Amino acid sequence: MIKIGLFGGTFDPIHMGHLIAAEEVCRILKLDKIIFIPTGIPPHKNYKYLTPIKHRFAMVKLAIKGNPKFLISDYEVRKKDKSYSIDTVRYFKEKLGKNVKIYFIIGSDIIPELHTWKEIKKLLKLCSFIIMTRPGFKIPEARVKKIGRLVNIKSENISSRHIRRLVKSGKSIKYLVPKEVEEYIYEKKLYRK
């Protein structure tokens, strides 16, 4: 059976924390591939303040280039409506076929809002949830076991919000994002406002 991880997010911007976490999940679970899925219109965030999807998609593509286990999907980008995880998982289950086990990768910071997700009970049955630990977000172990498997990620506490603030204030983001992503951010003048 082929094991595929689905890693969705706004990736505004994608950073080394995302990549280290994906690499660790891939290694620990022996996944064949991880598909990065930049969110077009997230249902739980104010998307009006997001960087346009063409830039977020381009940055993810640059960040994963060269890693044969990492792929990118434009499924949620092509949608003209909100991107619900249940729809995304159904799409990939149909597209990838029955010989594929799907793992849905989330950060532990998402757990408190999971109950608000569209058709969450069905989603939990459709795929296996992988919960990545994030510094500062503690979750009761009993709650995690009801949802999926916890994977401890040993990485720095890097956040997209912090990177945007650094760029806005004219500070360096070197080593927080891949070099190609850093160059793209400066070339396209992102996060300056």
C-alpha atoms as a PDB file:
ATOM      1  CA  MET A   1       0.000   0.000   0.000  1.00  0.00           C
ATOM      2  CA  ILE A   2       1.244   3.480  -0.916  1.00  0.00           C
ATOM      3  CA  LYS A   3       1.336   5.966   1.966  1.00  0.00           C
ATOM      4  CA  ILE A   4       0.649   9.609   1.102  1.00  0.00           C
ATOM      5  CA  GLY A   5       0.650  12.585   3.456  1.00  0.00           C
ATOM      6  CA  LEU A   6      -1.531  15.600   2.694  1.00  0.00           C
ATOM      7  CA  PHE A   7      -0.075  18.783   4.171  1.00  0.00           C
ATOM      8  CA  GLY A   8      -2.396  21.736   3.709  1.00  0.00           C
ATOM      9  CA  GLY A   9      -1.812  25.270   4.865  1.00  0.00           C
ATOM     10  CA  THR A  10      -1.812  28.914   3.929  1.00  0.00           C
ATOM     11  CA  PHE A  11       2.010  28.816   3.717  1.00  0.00           C
ATOM     12  CA  ASP A  12       2.191  32.614   3.960  1.00  0.00           C
ATOM     13  CA  PRO A  13       5.127  32.099   3.575  1.00  0.00           C
ATOM     14  CA  ILE A  14       6.298  28.501   3.716  1.00  0.00           C
ATOM     15  CA  HIS A  15       9.320  28.256   6.014  1.00  0.00           C
ATOM     16  CA  MET A  16      11.977  25.883   7.298  1.00  0.00           C
ATOM     17  CA  GLY A  17       9.693  24.771  10.136  1.00  0.00           C
ATOM     18  CA  HIS A  18       7.148  23.461   7.608  1.00  0.00           C
ATOM     19  CA  LEU A  19       9.853  21.670   5.637  1.00  0.00           C
ATOM     20  CA  ILE A  20      11.599  20.140   8.655  1.00  0.00           C
ATOM     21  CA  ALA A  21       8.254  18.946  10.027  1.00  0.00           C
ATOM     22  CA  ALA A  22       7.246  17.415   6.679  1.00  0.00           C
ATOM     23  CA  GLU A  23      10.611  15.674   6.362  1.00  0.00           C
ATOM     24  CA  GLU A  24      10.324  14.270   9.897  1.00  0.00           C
ATOM     25  CA  VAL A  25       6.756  13.029   9.370  1.00  0.00           C
ATOM     26  CA  CYS A  26       7.822  11.442   6.087  1.00  0.00           C
ATOM     27  CA  ARG A  27      10.761   9.684   7.767  1.00  0.00           C
ATOM     28  CA  ILE A  28       8.957   8.542  10.930  1.00  0.00           C
ATOM     29  CA  LEU A  29       5.859   7.216   9.129  1.00  0.00           C
ATOM     30  CA  LYS A  30       7.804   5.977   6.099  1.00  0.00           C
ATOM     31  CA  LEU A  31       5.541   7.909   3.744  1.00  0.00           C
ATOM     32  CA  ASP A  32       6.064   7.532   0.013  1.00  0.00           C
ATOM     33  CA  LYS A  33       5.161  11.168  -0.706  1.00  0.00           C
ATOM     34  CA  ILE A  34       3.884  14.316   0.959  1.00  0.00           C
ATOM     35  CA  ILE A  35       1.623  16.539  -1.106  1.00  0.00           C
ATOM     36  CA  PHE A  36       1.716  20.200  -0.097  1.00  0.00           C
ATOM     37  CA  ILE A  37      -1.674  21.831  -0.662  1.00  0.00           C
ATOM     38  CA  PRO A  38      -1.651  25.639  -0.450  1.00  0.00           C
ATOM     39  CA  THR A  39      -5.090  26.777   0.678  1.00  0.00           C
ATOM     40  CA  GLY A  40      -6.979  28.972  -1.746  1.00  0.00           C
ATOM     41  CA  ILE A  41      -9.742  30.365   0.481  1.00  0.00           C
ATOM     42  CA  PRO A  42      -9.431  29.060   4.047  1.00  0.00           C
ATOM     43  CA  PRO A  43     -12.754  28.753   5.889  1.00  0.00           C
ATOM     44  CA  HIS A  44     -11.276  29.550   9.328  1.00  0.00           C
ATOM     45  CA  LYS A  45      -9.087  32.557   8.497  1.00  0.00           C
ATOM     46  CA  ASN A  46      -9.716  36.017   7.133  1.00  0.00           C
ATOM     47  CA  TYR A  47      -8.394  35.322   3.647  1.00  0.00           C
ATOM     48  CA  LYS A  48      -8.627  38.976   2.586  1.00  0.00           C
ATOM     49  CA  TYR A  49      -5.334  39.544   4.406  1.00  0.00           C
ATOM     50  CA  LEU A  50      -3.549  36.586   2.825  1.00  0.00           C
ATOM     51  CA  THR A  51      -0.883  37.072   0.213  1.00  0.00           C
ATOM     52  CA  PRO A  52      -2.362  36.258  -3.219  1.00  0.00           C
ATOM     53  CA  ILE A  53      -2.402  32.517  -3.847  1.00  0.00           C
ATOM     54  CA  LYS A  54      -0.183  32.796  -6.951  1.00  0.00           C
ATOM     55  CA  HIS A  55       2.678  33.958  -4.699  1.00  0.00           C
ATOM     56  CA  ARG A  56       2.046  31.416  -1.937  1.00  0.00           C
ATOM     57  CA  PHE A  57       1.854  28.612  -4.504  1.00  0.00           C
ATOM     58  CA  ALA A  58       5.070  29.777  -6.201  1.00  0.00           C
ATOM     59  CA  MET A  59       6.910  29.908  -2.849  1.00  0.00           C
ATOM     60  CA  VAL A  60       5.864  26.356  -1.934  1.00  0.00           C
ATOM     61  CA  LYS A  61       6.950  25.147  -5.364  1.00  0.00           C
ATOM     62  CA  LEU A  62      10.367  26.781  -4.892  1.00  0.00           C
ATOM     63  CA  ALA A  63      10.729  25.447  -1.345  1.00  0.00           C
ATOM     64  CA  ILE A  64      10.101  21.787  -2.200  1.00  0.00           C
ATOM     65  CA  LYS A  65      12.034  21.740  -5.476  1.00  0.00           C
ATOM     66  CA  GLY A  66      14.686  19.064  -5.360  1.00  0.00           C
ATOM     67  CA  ASN A  67      12.983  16.837  -2.785  1.00  0.00           C
ATOM     68  CA  PRO A  68      11.624  13.798  -4.671  1.00  0.00           C
ATOM     69  CA  LYS A  69       9.261  12.923  -1.799  1.00  0.00           C
ATOM     70  CA  PHE A  70       7.573  16.339  -1.837  1.00  0.00           C
ATOM     71  CA  LEU A  71       4.896  17.278  -4.374  1.00  0.00           C
ATOM     72  CA  ILE A  72       2.568  20.257  -4.709  1.00  0.00           C
ATOM     73  CA  SER A  73      -1.115  20.289  -5.667  1.00  0.00           C
ATOM     74  CA  ASP A  74      -3.141  23.158  -7.057  1.00  0.00           C
ATOM     75  CA  TYR A  75      -6.452  21.478  -6.151  1.00  0.00           C
ATOM     76  CA  GLU A  76      -7.474  24.109  -3.573  1.00  0.00           C
ATOM     77  CA  VAL A  77      -5.982  26.915  -5.659  1.00  0.00           C
ATOM     78  CA  ARG A  78      -8.315  26.071  -8.556  1.00  0.00           C
ATOM     79  CA  LYS A  79     -11.413  26.139  -6.354  1.00  0.00           C
ATOM     80  CA  LYS A  80     -13.379  29.361  -6.443  1.00  0.00           C
ATOM     81  CA  ASP A  81     -14.938  28.684  -3.055  1.00  0.00           C
ATOM     82  CA  LYS A  82     -13.741  27.948   0.470  1.00  0.00           C
ATOM     83  CA  SER A  83     -11.360  25.020   0.815  1.00  0.00           C
ATOM     84  CA  TYR A  84     -12.750  22.435   3.215  1.00  0.00           C
ATOM     85  CA  SER A  85     -10.493  19.558   4.256  1.00  0.00           C
ATOM     86  CA  ILE A  86     -13.267  16.989   3.798  1.00  0.00           C
ATOM     87  CA  ASP A  87     -13.587  17.943   0.107  1.00  0.00           C
ATOM     88  CA  THR A  88      -9.822  17.844  -0.381  1.00  0.00           C
ATOM     89  CA  VAL A  89      -9.468  14.395   1.185  1.00  0.00           C
ATOM     90  CA  ARG A  90     -12.394  13.054  -0.866  1.00  0.00           C
ATOM     91  CA  TYR A  91     -10.777  14.434  -4.024  1.00  0.00           C
ATOM     92  CA  PHE A  92      -7.445  12.761  -3.286  1.00  0.00           C
ATOM     93  CA  LYS A  93      -9.041   9.460  -2.251  1.00  0.00           C
ATOM     94  CA  GLU A  94     -10.828   9.348  -5.594  1.00  0.00           C
ATOM     95  CA  LYS A  95      -7.809  10.544  -7.598  1.00  0.00           C
ATOM     96  CA  LEU A  96      -5.229   8.273  -5.953  1.00  0.00           C
ATOM     97  CA  GLY A  97      -7.327   5.108  -5.782  1.00  0.00           C
ATOM     98  CA  LYS A  98      -7.851   2.311  -3.281  1.00  0.00           C
ATOM     99  CA  ASN A  99      -4.220   1.203  -2.991  1.00  0.00           C
ATOM    100  CA  VAL A 100      -3.337   4.441  -1.162  1.00  0.00           C
ATOM    101  CA  LYS A 101      -3.505   5.208   2.545  1.00  0.00           C
ATOM    102  CA  ILE A 102      -3.978   8.928   3.177  1.00  0.00           C
ATOM    103  CA  TYR A 103      -2.498  10.711   6.172  1.00  0.00           C
ATOM    104  CA  PHE A 104      -3.788  14.210   6.894  1.00  0.00           C
ATOM    105  CA  ILE A 105      -1.045  16.272   8.534  1.00  0.00           C
ATOM    106  CA  ILE A 106      -1.938  19.066  10.967  1.00  0.00           C
ATOM    107  CA  GLY A 107      -0.192  21.032  13.688  1.00  0.00           C
ATOM    108  CA  SER A 108      -1.167  20.588  17.332  1.00  0.00           C
ATOM    109  CA  ASP A 109      -2.286  24.241  17.353  1.00  0.00           C
ATOM    110  CA  ILE A 110      -5.261  23.226  15.164  1.00  0.00           C
ATOM    111  CA  ILE A 111      -6.735  20.704  17.637  1.00  0.00           C
ATOM    112  CA  PRO A 112      -8.842  23.230  19.634  1.00  0.00           C
ATOM    113  CA  GLU A 113     -10.747  24.268  16.484  1.00  0.00           C
ATOM    114  CA  LEU A 114     -11.190  20.816  14.887  1.00  0.00           C
ATOM    115  CA  HIS A 115     -14.751  20.522  16.197  1.00  0.00           C
ATOM    116  CA  THR A 116     -15.684  23.480  13.946  1.00  0.00           C
ATOM    117  CA  TRP A 117     -14.474  21.783  10.755  1.00  0.00           C
ATOM    118  CA  LYS A 118     -17.021  20.757   8.126  1.00  0.00           C
ATOM    119  CA  GLU A 119     -18.021  17.083   8.530  1.00  0.00           C
ATOM    120  CA  ILE A 120     -15.163  16.398  10.952  1.00  0.00           C
ATOM    121  CA  LYS A 121     -16.515  12.975  12.017  1.00  0.00           C
ATOM    122  CA  LYS A 122     -16.568  11.789   8.393  1.00  0.00           C
ATOM    123  CA  LEU A 123     -13.119  13.275   7.805  1.00  0.00           C
ATOM    124  CA  LEU A 124     -11.676  11.347  10.760  1.00  0.00           C
ATOM    125  CA  LYS A 125     -12.996   8.124   9.174  1.00  0.00           C
ATOM    126  CA  LEU A 126     -11.709   8.925   5.673  1.00  0.00           C
ATOM    127  CA  CYS A 127      -8.051   9.325   6.604  1.00  0.00           C
ATOM    128  CA  SER A 128      -5.526   9.002   9.407  1.00  0.00           C
ATOM    129  CA  PHE A 129      -4.686  12.247  11.183  1.00  0.00           C
ATOM    130  CA  ILE A 130      -1.062  12.995  11.985  1.00  0.00           C
ATOM    131  CA  ILE A 131      -0.672  15.695  14.616  1.00  0.00           C
ATOM    132  CA  MET A 132       2.695  17.454  14.669  1.00  0.00           C
ATOM    133  CA  THR A 133       3.748  18.966  17.952  1.00  0.00           C
ATOM    134  CA  ARG A 134       4.241  22.718  18.001  1.00  0.00           C
ATOM    135  CA  PRO A 135       6.083  24.577  20.729  1.00  0.00           C
ATOM    136  CA  GLY A 136       3.674  26.203  23.161  1.00  0.00           C
ATOM    137  CA  PHE A 137       0.666  24.042  22.253  1.00  0.00           C
ATOM    138  CA  LYS A 138      -0.008  21.276  24.778  1.00  0.00           C
ATOM    139  CA  ILE A 139      -2.862  18.864  24.180  1.00  0.00           C
ATOM    140  CA  PRO A 140      -4.172  16.167  26.523  1.00  0.00           C
ATOM    141  CA  GLU A 141      -2.906  12.786  25.285  1.00  0.00           C
ATOM    142  CA  ALA A 142      -6.380  11.221  25.548  1.00  0.00           C
ATOM    143  CA  ARG A 143      -7.716  13.827  23.124  1.00  0.00           C
ATOM    144  CA  VAL A 144      -4.916  13.173  20.645  1.00  0.00           C
ATOM    145  CA  LYS A 145      -5.587   9.413  20.672  1.00  0.00           C
ATOM    146  CA  LYS A 146      -9.222  10.040  19.659  1.00  0.00           C
ATOM    147  CA  ILE A 147      -8.055  12.036  16.648  1.00  0.00           C
ATOM    148  CA  GLY A 148      -4.866  10.445  15.359  1.00  0.00           C
ATOM    149  CA  ARG A 149      -1.184   9.901  15.943  1.00  0.00           C
ATOM    150  CA  LEU A 150       1.082  12.462  17.565  1.00  0.00           C
ATOM    151  CA  VAL A 151       4.504  13.001  15.973  1.00  0.00           C
ATOM    152  CA  ASN A 152       7.044  14.929  18.022  1.00  0.00           C
ATOM    153  CA  ILE A 153       8.873  17.383  15.808  1.00  0.00           C
ATOM    154  CA  LYS A 154      12.189  18.721  17.012  1.00  0.00           C
ATOM    155  CA  SER A 155      12.426  22.098  15.323  1.00  0.00           C
ATOM    156  CA  GLU A 156      12.692  25.739  16.121  1.00  0.00           C
ATOM    157  CA  ASN A 157       9.529  27.710  16.789  1.00  0.00           C
ATOM    158  CA  ILE A 158       9.308  29.459  13.421  1.00  0.00           C
ATOM    159  CA  SER A 159       6.059  31.063  12.328  1.00  0.00           C
ATOM    160  CA  SER A 160       4.929  32.650   9.083  1.00  0.00           C
ATOM    161  CA  ARG A 161       3.572  35.609  11.050  1.00  0.00           C
ATOM    162  CA  HIS A 162       7.021  36.252  12.570  1.00  0.00           C
ATOM    163  CA  ILE A 163       8.660  36.067   9.138  1.00  0.00           C
ATOM    164  CA  ARG A 164       6.175  38.589   7.718  1.00  0.00           C
ATOM    165  CA  ARG A 165       6.909  40.951  10.620  1.00  0.00           C
ATOM    166  CA  LEU A 166      10.661  40.643  10.077  1.00  0.00           C
ATOM    167  CA  VAL A 167      10.324  41.496   6.384  1.00  0.00           C
ATOM    168  CA  LYS A 168       8.043  44.431   7.166  1.00  0.00           C
ATOM    169  CA  SER A 169      10.573  45.834   9.638  1.00  0.00           C
ATOM    170  CA  GLY A 170      13.485  45.354   7.223  1.00  0.00           C
ATOM    171  CA  LYS A 171      15.160  42.545   9.187  1.00  0.00           C
ATOM    172  CA  SER A 172      16.759  39.402   7.783  1.00  0.00           C
ATOM    173  CA  ILE A 173      14.833  36.178   7.239  1.00  0.00           C
ATOM    174  CA  LYS A 174      17.929  34.257   6.196  1.00  0.00           C
ATOM    175  CA  TYR A 175      17.839  30.631   7.417  1.00  0.00           C
ATOM    176  CA  LEU A 176      14.128  30.912   8.300  1.00  0.00           C
ATOM    177  CA  VAL A 177      13.007  30.218   4.734  1.00  0.00           C
ATOM    178  CA  PRO A 178      14.791  28.488   1.847  1.00  0.00           C
ATOM    179  CA  LYS A 179      17.090  30.828  -0.086  1.00  0.00           C
ATOM    180  CA  GLU A 180      14.846  30.697  -3.188  1.00  0.00           C
ATOM    181  CA  VAL A 181      11.826  31.700  -1.104  1.00  0.00           C
ATOM    182  CA  GLU A 182      13.766  34.554   0.504  1.00  0.00           C
ATOM    183  CA  GLU A 183      14.780  35.824  -2.942  1.00  0.00           C
ATOM    184  CA  TYR A 184      11.190  35.513  -4.205  1.00  0.00           C
ATOM    185  CA  ILE A 185       9.845  37.505  -1.236  1.00  0.00           C
ATOM    186  CA  TYR A 186      12.287  40.356  -1.871  1.00  0.00           C
ATOM    187  CA  GLU A 187      11.920  40.258  -5.660  1.00  0.00           C
ATOM    188  CA  LYS A 188       8.102  40.441  -5.466  1.00  0.00           C
ATOM    189  CA  LYS A 189       8.204  42.944  -2.571  1.00  0.00           C
ATOM    190  CA  LEU A 190       5.961  40.780  -0.386  1.00  0.00           C
ATOM    191  CA  TYR A 191       5.114  41.539   3.259  1.00  0.00           C
ATOM    192  CA  ARG A 192       6.305  45.145   3.126  1.00  0.00           C
ATOM    193  CA  LYS A 193       2.961  46.689   4.159  1.00  0.00           C
END
